[in-house]
Amino acid sequence: MEGHEKKRKILITGGLSFIFSYVTEYFVQKEWDVVVIDNCSTGSNPQICDGSFVHHNVDFCTKKGYELAIKENPDYFIHAAAQTDVDYSILHPGETLRNNALSTFNAFEAARDMPHLRKFMYVATDEVYGDHDVRKSEEDALLPQNPYSSSKAIGSLLREAYENTYPQLTGKIVELRSCNCFGYRQDIAKIIPQLVQSALVGSSVPIHNDGVGYREFIYVENIPPIVELLLKEGEGPYNISGHGTTVRDLVQTVEKIVDKEIKTYPAVRVGMDQYYKMDDSRLRALGYTPRFSFEEGLQRTLDRTKNQKGFSRKKSKKTKI
């Protein structure tokens, strides 16, 4: 920091999760004062806790989490903590709804009671748009099709309501609607980690609904600069799109990179959306361009994962973003 400029303080719920552990590390490197509230459920990465930031092991669904956020009184506040496993949400919709809705409500309530708040970021998902066959813009209607995406759409609606109702938050809320992120440290329940594991150890990967589902993917190290850009210049919702592919073609892409066949077997996901595709021109209008391409991200993920002794995580009801 130059001169005697006061450090900017940022509070991140779910700051040990796959995606936002990278955001936590990014702002530490930027010499911000970083505080994380994360209850270390499955999908967390407590190994990044090295004393360079403050970590509170607290469930943000609780009153204690809400009170702690207000006490920290940050300049910037990101709510990323969530249960994100679609399959688990289908089996346990009530728990998913309680977890994601209550933690999100606590975040919005805390944000309106932070006197020094410059920007509040709510982390949603591309799944709030539901199944579609055309690119979605931020102005399109929300039509979530599964319990997980419905629980995240609640926050999208709260953003509109709180900006309209509470003057202290007007112009201060930004929302992320990202496509699928991938990279090192991602939970094995997700498709790309499963493909990487198969390439390295020969395990078999379930391919839902014949692999025809179309998704967009972005490498995780592209996310922290987007977060910083939107905290400084963003207002309202922003789509984050990436490389579009069917799951079937994704398998073939990984096979080409590793030069070996990936073992797969057929599986069925009830209520699975077939197609997600977003228009991210609003984000690009702010000057965003990805640092890493899809192929570069895949290669970096493979290279870093090779240094592990396989994958030890299992699917869990507590998987986080």
C-alpha atoms as a PDB file:
ATOM      1  CA  MET A   1       0.000   0.000   0.000  1.00  0.00           C
ATOM      2  CA  GLU A   2       1.287   3.477  -0.845  1.00  0.00           C
ATOM      3  CA  GLY A   3       1.933   6.019   1.903  1.00  0.00           C
ATOM      4  CA  HIS A   4      -0.455   5.787   4.836  1.00  0.00           C
ATOM      5  CA  GLU A   5      -3.490   4.750   2.809  1.00  0.00           C
ATOM      6  CA  LYS A   6      -5.920   2.715   4.886  1.00  0.00           C
ATOM      7  CA  LYS A   7      -6.132  -0.926   3.832  1.00  0.00           C
ATOM      8  CA  ARG A   8      -9.389  -1.849   2.160  1.00  0.00           C
ATOM      9  CA  LYS A   9     -11.229  -4.461   4.186  1.00  0.00           C
ATOM     10  CA  ILE A  10     -13.134  -7.279   2.518  1.00  0.00           C
ATOM     11  CA  LEU A  11     -15.350  -9.893   4.177  1.00  0.00           C
ATOM     12  CA  ILE A  12     -16.041 -13.132   2.287  1.00  0.00           C
ATOM     13  CA  THR A  13     -18.504 -15.799   3.389  1.00  0.00           C
ATOM     14  CA  GLY A  14     -17.473 -19.159   1.967  1.00  0.00           C
ATOM     15  CA  GLY A  15     -13.968 -17.795   1.466  1.00  0.00           C
ATOM     16  CA  LEU A  16     -12.396 -21.244   1.836  1.00  0.00           C
ATOM     17  CA  SER A  17     -14.618 -22.796  -0.855  1.00  0.00           C
ATOM     18  CA  PHE A  18     -13.255 -23.902  -4.206  1.00  0.00           C
ATOM     19  CA  ILE A  19     -13.822 -20.716  -6.211  1.00  0.00           C
ATOM     20  CA  PHE A  20     -13.601 -18.198  -3.423  1.00  0.00           C
ATOM     21  CA  SER A  21     -10.448 -19.641  -1.875  1.00  0.00           C
ATOM     22  CA  TYR A  22      -8.810 -18.226  -5.011  1.00  0.00           C
ATOM     23  CA  VAL A  23     -10.548 -14.898  -4.395  1.00  0.00           C
ATOM     24  CA  THR A  24      -9.335 -14.911  -0.786  1.00  0.00           C
ATOM     25  CA  GLU A  25      -5.742 -15.543  -1.890  1.00  0.00           C
ATOM     26  CA  TYR A  26      -6.033 -12.919  -4.617  1.00  0.00           C
ATOM     27  CA  PHE A  27      -7.010 -10.117  -2.253  1.00  0.00           C
ATOM     28  CA  VAL A  28      -4.380 -11.181   0.275  1.00  0.00           C
ATOM     29  CA  GLN A  29      -1.794 -10.778  -2.496  1.00  0.00           C
ATOM     30  CA  LYS A  30      -3.310  -7.370  -3.262  1.00  0.00           C
ATOM     31  CA  GLU A  31      -2.620  -6.490   0.400  1.00  0.00           C
ATOM     32  CA  TRP A  32      -6.249  -6.014   1.336  1.00  0.00           C
ATOM     33  CA  ASP A  33      -7.406  -6.731   4.886  1.00  0.00           C
ATOM     34  CA  VAL A  34      -9.207 -10.047   4.277  1.00  0.00           C
ATOM     35  CA  VAL A  35     -11.708 -11.677   6.661  1.00  0.00           C
ATOM     36  CA  VAL A  36     -13.352 -15.028   5.918  1.00  0.00           C
ATOM     37  CA  ILE A  37     -16.440 -16.577   7.512  1.00  0.00           C
ATOM     38  CA  ASP A  38     -16.493 -20.271   6.600  1.00  0.00           C
ATOM     39  CA  ASN A  39     -17.666 -23.247   8.643  1.00  0.00           C
ATOM     40  CA  CYS A  40     -15.196 -25.646   6.954  1.00  0.00           C
ATOM     41  CA  SER A  41     -17.804 -28.027   5.553  1.00  0.00           C
ATOM     42  CA  THR A  42     -16.946 -30.385   2.701  1.00  0.00           C
ATOM     43  CA  GLY A  43     -15.553 -28.451  -0.230  1.00  0.00           C
ATOM     44  CA  SER A  44     -13.604 -26.062   2.009  1.00  0.00           C
ATOM     45  CA  ASN A  45      -9.857 -25.627   1.761  1.00  0.00           C
ATOM     46  CA  PRO A  46      -8.614 -24.858   5.289  1.00  0.00           C
ATOM     47  CA  GLN A  47      -5.053 -25.588   4.128  1.00  0.00           C
ATOM     48  CA  ILE A  48      -4.885 -22.049   2.713  1.00  0.00           C
ATOM     49  CA  CYS A  49      -5.212 -20.615   6.249  1.00  0.00           C
ATOM     50  CA  ASP A  50      -1.647 -19.419   6.789  1.00  0.00           C
ATOM     51  CA  GLY A  51      -2.174 -16.393   9.022  1.00  0.00           C
ATOM     52  CA  SER A  52      -2.343 -13.953   6.107  1.00  0.00           C
ATOM     53  CA  PHE A  53      -6.080 -13.408   6.668  1.00  0.00           C
ATOM     54  CA  VAL A  54      -8.602 -13.757   9.483  1.00  0.00           C
ATOM     55  CA  HIS A  55     -10.778 -16.878   9.461  1.00  0.00           C
ATOM     56  CA  HIS A  56     -13.907 -17.320  11.572  1.00  0.00           C
ATOM     57  CA  ASN A  57     -15.158 -20.921  11.679  1.00  0.00           C
ATOM     58  CA  VAL A  58     -18.845 -19.991  11.869  1.00  0.00           C
ATOM     59  CA  ASP A  59     -21.979 -21.126  10.037  1.00  0.00           C
ATOM     60  CA  PHE A  60     -23.412 -18.068   8.306  1.00  0.00           C
ATOM     61  CA  CYS A  61     -26.950 -19.435   8.628  1.00  0.00           C
ATOM     62  CA  THR A  62     -26.756 -18.590  12.323  1.00  0.00           C
ATOM     63  CA  LYS A  63     -27.359 -15.375  14.230  1.00  0.00           C
ATOM     64  CA  LYS A  64     -23.703 -15.495  15.270  1.00  0.00           C
ATOM     65  CA  GLY A  65     -22.643 -15.317  11.618  1.00  0.00           C
ATOM     66  CA  TYR A  66     -24.865 -12.312  10.980  1.00  0.00           C
ATOM     67  CA  GLU A  67     -23.625 -10.493  14.089  1.00  0.00           C
ATOM     68  CA  LEU A  68     -20.018 -11.278  13.260  1.00  0.00           C
ATOM     69  CA  ALA A  69     -20.369  -9.802   9.772  1.00  0.00           C
ATOM     70  CA  ILE A  70     -21.714  -6.538  11.179  1.00  0.00           C
ATOM     71  CA  LYS A  71     -18.953  -6.436  13.796  1.00  0.00           C
ATOM     72  CA  GLU A  72     -16.271  -6.807  11.130  1.00  0.00           C
ATOM     73  CA  ASN A  73     -17.719  -3.729   9.374  1.00  0.00           C
ATOM     74  CA  PRO A  74     -15.986  -4.222   6.000  1.00  0.00           C
ATOM     75  CA  ASP A  75     -15.660  -1.882   3.046  1.00  0.00           C
ATOM     76  CA  TYR A  76     -16.568  -4.747   0.701  1.00  0.00           C
ATOM     77  CA  PHE A  77     -18.722  -7.775   1.459  1.00  0.00           C
ATOM     78  CA  ILE A  78     -19.071 -10.946  -0.652  1.00  0.00           C
ATOM     79  CA  HIS A  79     -21.648 -13.621   0.104  1.00  0.00           C
ATOM     80  CA  ALA A  80     -20.473 -16.832  -1.585  1.00  0.00           C
ATOM     81  CA  ALA A  81     -21.261 -19.500   1.029  1.00  0.00           C
ATOM     82  CA  ALA A  82     -23.835 -21.990  -0.259  1.00  0.00           C
ATOM     83  CA  GLN A  83     -24.751 -25.621  -0.747  1.00  0.00           C
ATOM     84  CA  THR A  84     -24.199 -26.053  -4.495  1.00  0.00           C
ATOM     85  CA  ASP A  85     -24.613 -29.759  -5.249  1.00  0.00           C
ATOM     86  CA  VAL A  86     -27.613 -30.127  -7.587  1.00  0.00           C
ATOM     87  CA  ASP A  87     -27.970 -33.867  -6.996  1.00  0.00           C
ATOM     88  CA  TYR A  88     -28.035 -33.383  -3.239  1.00  0.00           C
ATOM     89  CA  SER A  89     -30.574 -30.572  -3.576  1.00  0.00           C
ATOM     90  CA  ILE A  90     -32.876 -32.921  -5.480  1.00  0.00           C
ATOM     91  CA  LEU A  91     -32.653 -35.500  -2.706  1.00  0.00           C
ATOM     92  CA  HIS A  92     -32.806 -32.958   0.136  1.00  0.00           C
ATOM     93  CA  PRO A  93     -34.632 -29.832  -1.110  1.00  0.00           C
ATOM     94  CA  GLY A  94     -35.662 -28.660   2.348  1.00  0.00           C
ATOM     95  CA  GLU A  95     -32.150 -28.592   3.736  1.00  0.00           C
ATOM     96  CA  THR A  96     -30.819 -26.903   0.604  1.00  0.00           C
ATOM     97  CA  LEU A  97     -33.495 -24.234   0.760  1.00  0.00           C
ATOM     98  CA  ARG A  98     -32.999 -23.579   4.480  1.00  0.00           C
ATOM     99  CA  ASN A  99     -29.216 -23.369   4.124  1.00  0.00           C
ATOM    100  CA  ASN A 100     -29.044 -21.137   1.062  1.00  0.00           C
ATOM    101  CA  ALA A 101     -32.065 -18.948   1.740  1.00  0.00           C
ATOM    102  CA  LEU A 102     -31.264 -18.266   5.391  1.00  0.00           C
ATOM    103  CA  SER A 103     -27.579 -17.534   4.830  1.00  0.00           C
ATOM    104  CA  THR A 104     -28.482 -15.219   1.951  1.00  0.00           C
ATOM    105  CA  PHE A 105     -31.103 -13.409   4.028  1.00  0.00           C
ATOM    106  CA  ASN A 106     -28.512 -12.941   6.794  1.00  0.00           C
ATOM    107  CA  ALA A 107     -26.082 -11.505   4.245  1.00  0.00           C
ATOM    108  CA  PHE A 108     -28.535  -8.940   2.890  1.00  0.00           C
ATOM    109  CA  GLU A 109     -29.588  -7.960   6.408  1.00  0.00           C
ATOM    110  CA  ALA A 110     -25.961  -7.576   7.488  1.00  0.00           C
ATOM    111  CA  ALA A 111     -25.137  -5.518   4.388  1.00  0.00           C
ATOM    112  CA  ARG A 112     -27.757  -2.885   5.175  1.00  0.00           C
ATOM    113  CA  ASP A 113     -26.311  -2.480   8.682  1.00  0.00           C
ATOM    114  CA  MET A 114     -22.673  -1.949   7.582  1.00  0.00           C
ATOM    115  CA  PRO A 115     -21.974   1.804   7.849  1.00  0.00           C
ATOM    116  CA  HIS A 116     -18.780   1.793   5.765  1.00  0.00           C
ATOM    117  CA  LEU A 117     -19.975  -0.569   3.041  1.00  0.00           C
ATOM    118  CA  ARG A 118     -18.921   0.392  -0.485  1.00  0.00           C
ATOM    119  CA  LYS A 119     -20.160  -2.691  -2.326  1.00  0.00           C
ATOM    120  CA  PHE A 120     -21.993  -5.922  -1.528  1.00  0.00           C
ATOM    121  CA  MET A 121     -21.633  -8.874  -3.921  1.00  0.00           C
ATOM    122  CA  TYR A 122     -24.146 -11.706  -4.029  1.00  0.00           C
ATOM    123  CA  VAL A 123     -22.904 -14.854  -5.774  1.00  0.00           C
ATOM    124  CA  ALA A 124     -25.715 -16.506  -7.742  1.00  0.00           C
ATOM    125  CA  THR A 125     -25.440 -18.963 -10.662  1.00  0.00           C
ATOM    126  CA  ASP A 126     -26.244 -19.271 -14.365  1.00  0.00           C
ATOM    127  CA  GLU A 127     -28.826 -21.881 -13.367  1.00  0.00           C
ATOM    128  CA  VAL A 128     -31.273 -19.194 -12.216  1.00  0.00           C
ATOM    129  CA  TYR A 129     -32.268 -18.781 -15.898  1.00  0.00           C
ATOM    130  CA  GLY A 130     -33.349 -22.406 -16.155  1.00  0.00           C
ATOM    131  CA  ASP A 131     -33.216 -24.546 -19.265  1.00  0.00           C
ATOM    132  CA  HIS A 132     -33.018 -22.510 -22.492  1.00  0.00           C
ATOM    133  CA  ASP A 133     -31.812 -22.688 -26.086  1.00  0.00           C
ATOM    134  CA  VAL A 134     -30.814 -19.046 -26.591  1.00  0.00           C
ATOM    135  CA  ARG A 135     -28.207 -16.865 -24.895  1.00  0.00           C
ATOM    136  CA  LYS A 136     -29.565 -15.265 -21.745  1.00  0.00           C
ATOM    137  CA  SER A 137     -28.936 -11.657 -20.770  1.00  0.00           C
ATOM    138  CA  GLU A 138     -29.260 -10.173 -17.315  1.00  0.00           C
ATOM    139  CA  GLU A 139     -32.661  -8.722 -18.267  1.00  0.00           C
ATOM    140  CA  ASP A 140     -34.212 -12.113 -18.985  1.00  0.00           C
ATOM    141  CA  ALA A 141     -36.660 -13.734 -16.587  1.00  0.00           C
ATOM    142  CA  LEU A 142     -35.490 -16.164 -13.903  1.00  0.00           C
ATOM    143  CA  LEU A 143     -36.916 -19.668 -14.360  1.00  0.00           C
ATOM    144  CA  PRO A 144     -34.955 -22.011 -12.060  1.00  0.00           C
ATOM    145  CA  GLN A 145     -35.688 -25.683 -12.653  1.00  0.00           C
ATOM    146  CA  ASN A 146     -34.255 -27.491  -9.609  1.00  0.00           C
ATOM    147  CA  PRO A 147     -34.152 -26.929  -5.831  1.00  0.00           C
ATOM    148  CA  TYR A 148     -30.564 -25.621  -5.876  1.00  0.00           C
ATOM    149  CA  SER A 149     -31.135 -23.008  -8.564  1.00  0.00           C
ATOM    150  CA  SER A 150     -34.417 -22.000  -6.935  1.00  0.00           C
ATOM    151  CA  SER A 151     -32.614 -21.402  -3.653  1.00  0.00           C
ATOM    152  CA  LYS A 152     -30.110 -19.149  -5.439  1.00  0.00           C
ATOM    153  CA  ALA A 153     -32.804 -17.250  -7.331  1.00  0.00           C
ATOM    154  CA  ILE A 154     -34.121 -16.137  -3.942  1.00  0.00           C
ATOM    155  CA  GLY A 155     -30.997 -14.004  -3.572  1.00  0.00           C
ATOM    156  CA  SER A 156     -31.469 -12.555  -7.054  1.00  0.00           C
ATOM    157  CA  LEU A 157     -34.937 -11.402  -6.026  1.00  0.00           C
ATOM    158  CA  LEU A 158     -33.689 -10.105  -2.680  1.00  0.00           C
ATOM    159  CA  ARG A 159     -31.137  -7.967  -4.532  1.00  0.00           C
ATOM    160  CA  GLU A 160     -33.943  -6.228  -6.398  1.00  0.00           C
ATOM    161  CA  ALA A 161     -36.048  -5.882  -3.246  1.00  0.00           C
ATOM    162  CA  TYR A 162     -33.290  -4.547  -0.985  1.00  0.00           C
ATOM    163  CA  GLU A 163     -32.022  -2.024  -3.540  1.00  0.00           C
ATOM    164  CA  ASN A 164     -35.587  -0.778  -3.977  1.00  0.00           C
ATOM    165  CA  THR A 165     -36.459  -0.747  -0.275  1.00  0.00           C
ATOM    166  CA  TYR A 166     -33.308   0.365   1.539  1.00  0.00           C
ATOM    167  CA  PRO A 167     -31.692   3.608   0.294  1.00  0.00           C
ATOM    168  CA  GLN A 168     -28.369   2.806   1.970  1.00  0.00           C
ATOM    169  CA  LEU A 169     -27.939  -0.100  -0.479  1.00  0.00           C
ATOM    170  CA  THR A 170     -28.969   1.700  -3.672  1.00  0.00           C
ATOM    171  CA  GLY A 171     -26.193   1.340  -6.224  1.00  0.00           C
ATOM    172  CA  LYS A 172     -24.139  -0.808  -3.861  1.00  0.00           C
ATOM    173  CA  ILE A 173     -25.198  -4.357  -4.766  1.00  0.00           C
ATOM    174  CA  VAL A 174     -23.643  -6.424  -7.520  1.00  0.00           C
ATOM    175  CA  GLU A 175     -24.596  -9.984  -8.457  1.00  0.00           C
ATOM    176  CA  LEU A 176     -22.495 -12.714 -10.099  1.00  0.00           C
ATOM    177  CA  ARG A 177     -24.218 -15.236 -12.362  1.00  0.00           C
ATOM    178  CA  SER A 178     -21.331 -17.442 -13.395  1.00  0.00           C
ATOM    179  CA  CYS A 179     -21.137 -20.491 -15.598  1.00  0.00           C
ATOM    180  CA  ASN A 180     -19.357 -23.612 -14.326  1.00  0.00           C
ATOM    181  CA  CYS A 181     -15.913 -22.918 -12.905  1.00  0.00           C
ATOM    182  CA  PHE A 182     -13.181 -25.547 -12.880  1.00  0.00           C
ATOM    183  CA  GLY A 183      -9.620 -25.907 -11.645  1.00  0.00           C
ATOM    184  CA  TYR A 184      -7.357 -27.337  -8.998  1.00  0.00           C
ATOM    185  CA  ARG A 185      -9.005 -27.857  -5.575  1.00  0.00           C
ATOM    186  CA  GLN A 186     -12.469 -28.406  -7.041  1.00  0.00           C
ATOM    187  CA  ASP A 187     -14.603 -31.029  -5.313  1.00  0.00           C
ATOM    188  CA  ILE A 188     -14.624 -34.453  -6.954  1.00  0.00           C
ATOM    189  CA  ALA A 189     -18.426 -34.339  -7.256  1.00  0.00           C
ATOM    190  CA  LYS A 190     -18.050 -32.032 -10.282  1.00  0.00           C
ATOM    191  CA  ILE A 191     -17.553 -33.237 -13.862  1.00  0.00           C
ATOM    192  CA  ILE A 192     -14.096 -31.878 -14.740  1.00  0.00           C
ATOM    193  CA  PRO A 193     -12.415 -33.167 -11.552  1.00  0.00           C
ATOM    194  CA  GLN A 194     -13.934 -36.558 -12.290  1.00  0.00           C
ATOM    195  CA  LEU A 195     -12.540 -36.475 -15.830  1.00  0.00           C
ATOM    196  CA  VAL A 196      -9.118 -35.429 -14.527  1.00  0.00           C
ATOM    197  CA  GLN A 197      -9.165 -38.203 -11.950  1.00  0.00           C
ATOM    198  CA  SER A 198     -10.101 -40.710 -14.648  1.00  0.00           C
ATOM    199  CA  ALA A 199      -7.221 -39.533 -16.809  1.00  0.00           C
ATOM    200  CA  LEU A 200      -4.772 -39.938 -13.937  1.00  0.00           C
ATOM    201  CA  VAL A 201      -5.960 -43.109 -12.187  1.00  0.00           C
ATOM    202  CA  GLY A 202      -8.347 -44.797 -14.627  1.00  0.00           C
ATOM    203  CA  SER A 203     -11.601 -44.394 -12.673  1.00  0.00           C
ATOM    204  CA  SER A 204     -14.949 -44.375 -14.483  1.00  0.00           C
ATOM    205  CA  VAL A 205     -17.057 -41.215 -14.840  1.00  0.00           C
ATOM    206  CA  PRO A 206     -20.904 -41.079 -14.838  1.00  0.00           C
ATOM    207  CA  ILE A 207     -22.282 -39.270 -17.880  1.00  0.00           C
ATOM    208  CA  HIS A 208     -25.782 -37.976 -17.226  1.00  0.00           C
ATOM    209  CA  ASN A 209     -28.507 -38.183 -19.886  1.00  0.00           C
ATOM    210  CA  ASP A 210     -26.192 -39.377 -22.708  1.00  0.00           C
ATOM    211  CA  GLY A 211     -23.878 -36.389 -22.298  1.00  0.00           C
ATOM    212  CA  VAL A 212     -26.060 -34.089 -24.405  1.00  0.00           C
ATOM    213  CA  GLY A 213     -26.284 -31.404 -21.713  1.00  0.00           C
ATOM    214  CA  TYR A 214     -24.662 -28.158 -22.911  1.00  0.00           C
ATOM    215  CA  ARG A 215     -22.681 -26.134 -20.387  1.00  0.00           C
ATOM    216  CA  GLU A 216     -20.210 -23.259 -20.329  1.00  0.00           C
ATOM    217  CA  PHE A 217     -16.951 -23.575 -18.390  1.00  0.00           C
ATOM    218  CA  ILE A 218     -14.476 -20.966 -17.138  1.00  0.00           C
ATOM    219  CA  TYR A 219     -11.127 -21.563 -15.475  1.00  0.00           C
ATOM    220  CA  VAL A 220     -11.192 -20.542 -11.829  1.00  0.00           C
ATOM    221  CA  GLU A 221      -8.178 -18.204 -11.909  1.00  0.00           C
ATOM    222  CA  ASN A 222     -10.157 -15.939 -14.241  1.00  0.00           C
ATOM    223  CA  ILE A 223     -12.672 -15.241 -11.475  1.00  0.00           C
ATOM    224  CA  PRO A 224     -10.751 -13.106  -8.909  1.00  0.00           C
ATOM    225  CA  PRO A 225      -9.985 -10.255 -11.367  1.00  0.00           C
ATOM    226  CA  ILE A 226     -13.675 -10.251 -12.353  1.00  0.00           C
ATOM    227  CA  VAL A 227     -14.642  -9.963  -8.688  1.00  0.00           C
ATOM    228  CA  GLU A 228     -12.271  -7.032  -8.182  1.00  0.00           C
ATOM    229  CA  LEU A 229     -13.525  -5.299 -11.330  1.00  0.00           C
ATOM    230  CA  LEU A 230     -17.162  -5.615 -10.284  1.00  0.00           C
ATOM    231  CA  LEU A 231     -16.513  -4.531  -6.709  1.00  0.00           C
ATOM    232  CA  LYS A 232     -14.997  -1.339  -8.095  1.00  0.00           C
ATOM    233  CA  GLU A 233     -17.201  -0.628 -11.105  1.00  0.00           C
ATOM    234  CA  GLY A 234     -20.178  -2.996 -11.140  1.00  0.00           C
ATOM    235  CA  GLU A 235     -23.823  -2.471 -10.269  1.00  0.00           C
ATOM    236  CA  GLY A 236     -26.627  -5.004 -10.622  1.00  0.00           C
ATOM    237  CA  PRO A 237     -26.323  -8.500 -12.152  1.00  0.00           C
ATOM    238  CA  TYR A 238     -23.511  -9.708 -14.418  1.00  0.00           C
ATOM    239  CA  ASN A 239     -23.279 -12.921 -16.412  1.00  0.00           C
ATOM    240  CA  ILE A 240     -19.945 -14.720 -16.599  1.00  0.00           C
ATOM    241  CA  SER A 241     -19.846 -17.045 -19.574  1.00  0.00           C
ATOM    242  CA  GLY A 242     -17.093 -19.293 -20.858  1.00  0.00           C
ATOM    243  CA  HIS A 243     -16.259 -22.116 -23.262  1.00  0.00           C
ATOM    244  CA  GLY A 244     -19.465 -23.844 -24.370  1.00  0.00           C
ATOM    245  CA  THR A 245     -19.569 -27.595 -24.900  1.00  0.00           C
ATOM    246  CA  THR A 246     -21.705 -30.664 -24.414  1.00  0.00           C
ATOM    247  CA  VAL A 247     -20.518 -33.073 -21.743  1.00  0.00           C
ATOM    248  CA  ARG A 248     -19.944 -35.646 -24.469  1.00  0.00           C
ATOM    249  CA  ASP A 249     -17.606 -33.268 -26.335  1.00  0.00           C
ATOM    250  CA  LEU A 250     -15.949 -32.277 -23.067  1.00  0.00           C
ATOM    251  CA  VAL A 251     -14.910 -35.885 -22.523  1.00  0.00           C
ATOM    252  CA  GLN A 252     -13.364 -35.956 -26.001  1.00  0.00           C
ATOM    253  CA  THR A 253     -11.497 -32.695 -25.343  1.00  0.00           C
ATOM    254  CA  VAL A 254      -9.914 -34.084 -22.191  1.00  0.00           C
ATOM    255  CA  GLU A 255      -9.050 -37.297 -24.033  1.00  0.00           C
ATOM    256  CA  LYS A 256      -7.155 -35.285 -26.658  1.00  0.00           C
ATOM    257  CA  ILE A 257      -5.208 -33.365 -24.020  1.00  0.00           C
ATOM    258  CA  VAL A 258      -4.161 -36.454 -22.043  1.00  0.00           C
ATOM    259  CA  ASP A 259      -3.939 -38.705 -25.114  1.00  0.00           C
ATOM    260  CA  LYS A 260      -5.869 -41.537 -23.508  1.00  0.00           C
ATOM    261  CA  GLU A 261      -9.425 -42.820 -23.293  1.00  0.00           C
ATOM    262  CA  ILE A 262     -11.646 -41.697 -20.422  1.00  0.00           C
ATOM    263  CA  LYS A 263     -13.774 -44.454 -18.914  1.00  0.00           C
ATOM    264  CA  THR A 264     -17.448 -43.521 -18.629  1.00  0.00           C
ATOM    265  CA  TYR A 265     -20.799 -45.106 -17.828  1.00  0.00           C
ATOM    266  CA  PRO A 266     -24.392 -43.902 -18.403  1.00  0.00           C
ATOM    267  CA  ALA A 267     -26.332 -42.240 -15.592  1.00  0.00           C
ATOM    268  CA  VAL A 268     -29.599 -40.330 -15.194  1.00  0.00           C
ATOM    269  CA  ARG A 269     -30.182 -37.013 -13.439  1.00  0.00           C
ATOM    270  CA  VAL A 270     -33.844 -36.274 -12.795  1.00  0.00           C
ATOM    271  CA  GLY A 271     -34.856 -32.717 -13.692  1.00  0.00           C
ATOM    272  CA  MET A 272     -31.567 -31.982 -15.425  1.00  0.00           C
ATOM    273  CA  ASP A 273     -31.461 -28.775 -17.480  1.00  0.00           C
ATOM    274  CA  GLN A 274     -30.121 -29.511 -20.967  1.00  0.00           C
ATOM    275  CA  TYR A 275     -28.803 -26.123 -22.031  1.00  0.00           C
ATOM    276  CA  TYR A 276     -27.180 -23.101 -20.360  1.00  0.00           C
ATOM    277  CA  LYS A 277     -25.693 -20.289 -22.422  1.00  0.00           C
ATOM    278  CA  MET A 278     -25.236 -16.669 -21.391  1.00  0.00           C
ATOM    279  CA  ASP A 279     -24.490 -13.299 -22.929  1.00  0.00           C
ATOM    280  CA  ASP A 280     -21.655 -11.648 -20.986  1.00  0.00           C
ATOM    281  CA  SER A 281     -21.408  -8.450 -23.060  1.00  0.00           C
ATOM    282  CA  ARG A 282     -22.340  -6.350 -20.013  1.00  0.00           C
ATOM    283  CA  LEU A 283     -19.255  -7.639 -18.194  1.00  0.00           C
ATOM    284  CA  ARG A 284     -17.023  -7.227 -21.245  1.00  0.00           C
ATOM    285  CA  ALA A 285     -18.192  -3.616 -21.588  1.00  0.00           C
ATOM    286  CA  LEU A 286     -16.259  -2.937 -18.369  1.00  0.00           C
ATOM    287  CA  GLY A 287     -13.054  -4.103 -20.084  1.00  0.00           C
ATOM    288  CA  TYR A 288     -12.985  -7.742 -18.997  1.00  0.00           C
ATOM    289  CA  THR A 289     -11.081 -10.321 -21.015  1.00  0.00           C
ATOM    290  CA  PRO A 290     -10.171 -13.768 -19.614  1.00  0.00           C
ATOM    291  CA  ARG A 291      -6.540 -14.281 -18.668  1.00  0.00           C
ATOM    292  CA  PHE A 292      -6.643 -18.041 -19.317  1.00  0.00           C
ATOM    293  CA  SER A 293      -8.368 -19.870 -22.167  1.00  0.00           C
ATOM    294  CA  PHE A 294     -10.391 -23.027 -21.562  1.00  0.00           C
ATOM    295  CA  GLU A 295      -7.593 -25.231 -22.913  1.00  0.00           C
ATOM    296  CA  GLU A 296      -4.944 -23.445 -20.830  1.00  0.00           C
ATOM    297  CA  GLY A 297      -7.104 -23.880 -17.755  1.00  0.00           C
ATOM    298  CA  LEU A 298      -7.545 -27.602 -18.391  1.00  0.00           C
ATOM    299  CA  GLN A 299      -3.814 -28.067 -18.797  1.00  0.00           C
ATOM    300  CA  ARG A 300      -3.055 -26.095 -15.615  1.00  0.00           C
ATOM    301  CA  THR A 301      -5.630 -28.180 -13.743  1.00  0.00           C
ATOM    302  CA  LEU A 302      -4.068 -31.434 -14.953  1.00  0.00           C
ATOM    303  CA  ASP A 303      -0.545 -30.270 -14.162  1.00  0.00           C
ATOM    304  CA  ARG A 304      -1.399 -29.193 -10.617  1.00  0.00           C
ATOM    305  CA  THR A 305      -3.498 -32.269  -9.884  1.00  0.00           C
ATOM    306  CA  LYS A 306      -0.671 -34.610 -10.905  1.00  0.00           C
ATOM    307  CA  ASN A 307       1.161 -33.489  -7.767  1.00  0.00           C
ATOM    308  CA  GLN A 308      -1.658 -34.849  -5.590  1.00  0.00           C
ATOM    309  CA  LYS A 309      -1.934 -38.429  -4.400  1.00  0.00           C
ATOM    310  CA  GLY A 310      -5.333 -38.844  -5.994  1.00  0.00           C
ATOM    311  CA  PHE A 311      -8.612 -37.458  -4.681  1.00  0.00           C
ATOM    312  CA  SER A 312      -9.844 -38.072  -1.162  1.00  0.00           C
ATOM    313  CA  ARG A 313     -13.009 -35.993  -1.064  1.00  0.00           C
ATOM    314  CA  LYS A 314     -16.409 -37.573  -1.396  1.00  0.00           C
ATOM    315  CA  LYS A 315     -19.749 -36.184  -2.433  1.00  0.00           C
ATOM    316  CA  SER A 316     -21.459 -34.423   0.423  1.00  0.00           C
ATOM    317  CA  LYS A 317     -24.527 -32.462   1.335  1.00  0.00           C
ATOM    318  CA  LYS A 318     -22.215 -29.621   2.325  1.00  0.00           C
ATOM    319  CA  THR A 319     -20.442 -29.065  -0.996  1.00  0.00           C
ATOM    320  CA  LYS A 320     -19.860 -25.357  -1.474  1.00  0.00           C
ATOM    321  CA  ILE A 321     -19.158 -23.010  -4.336  1.00  0.00           C
END
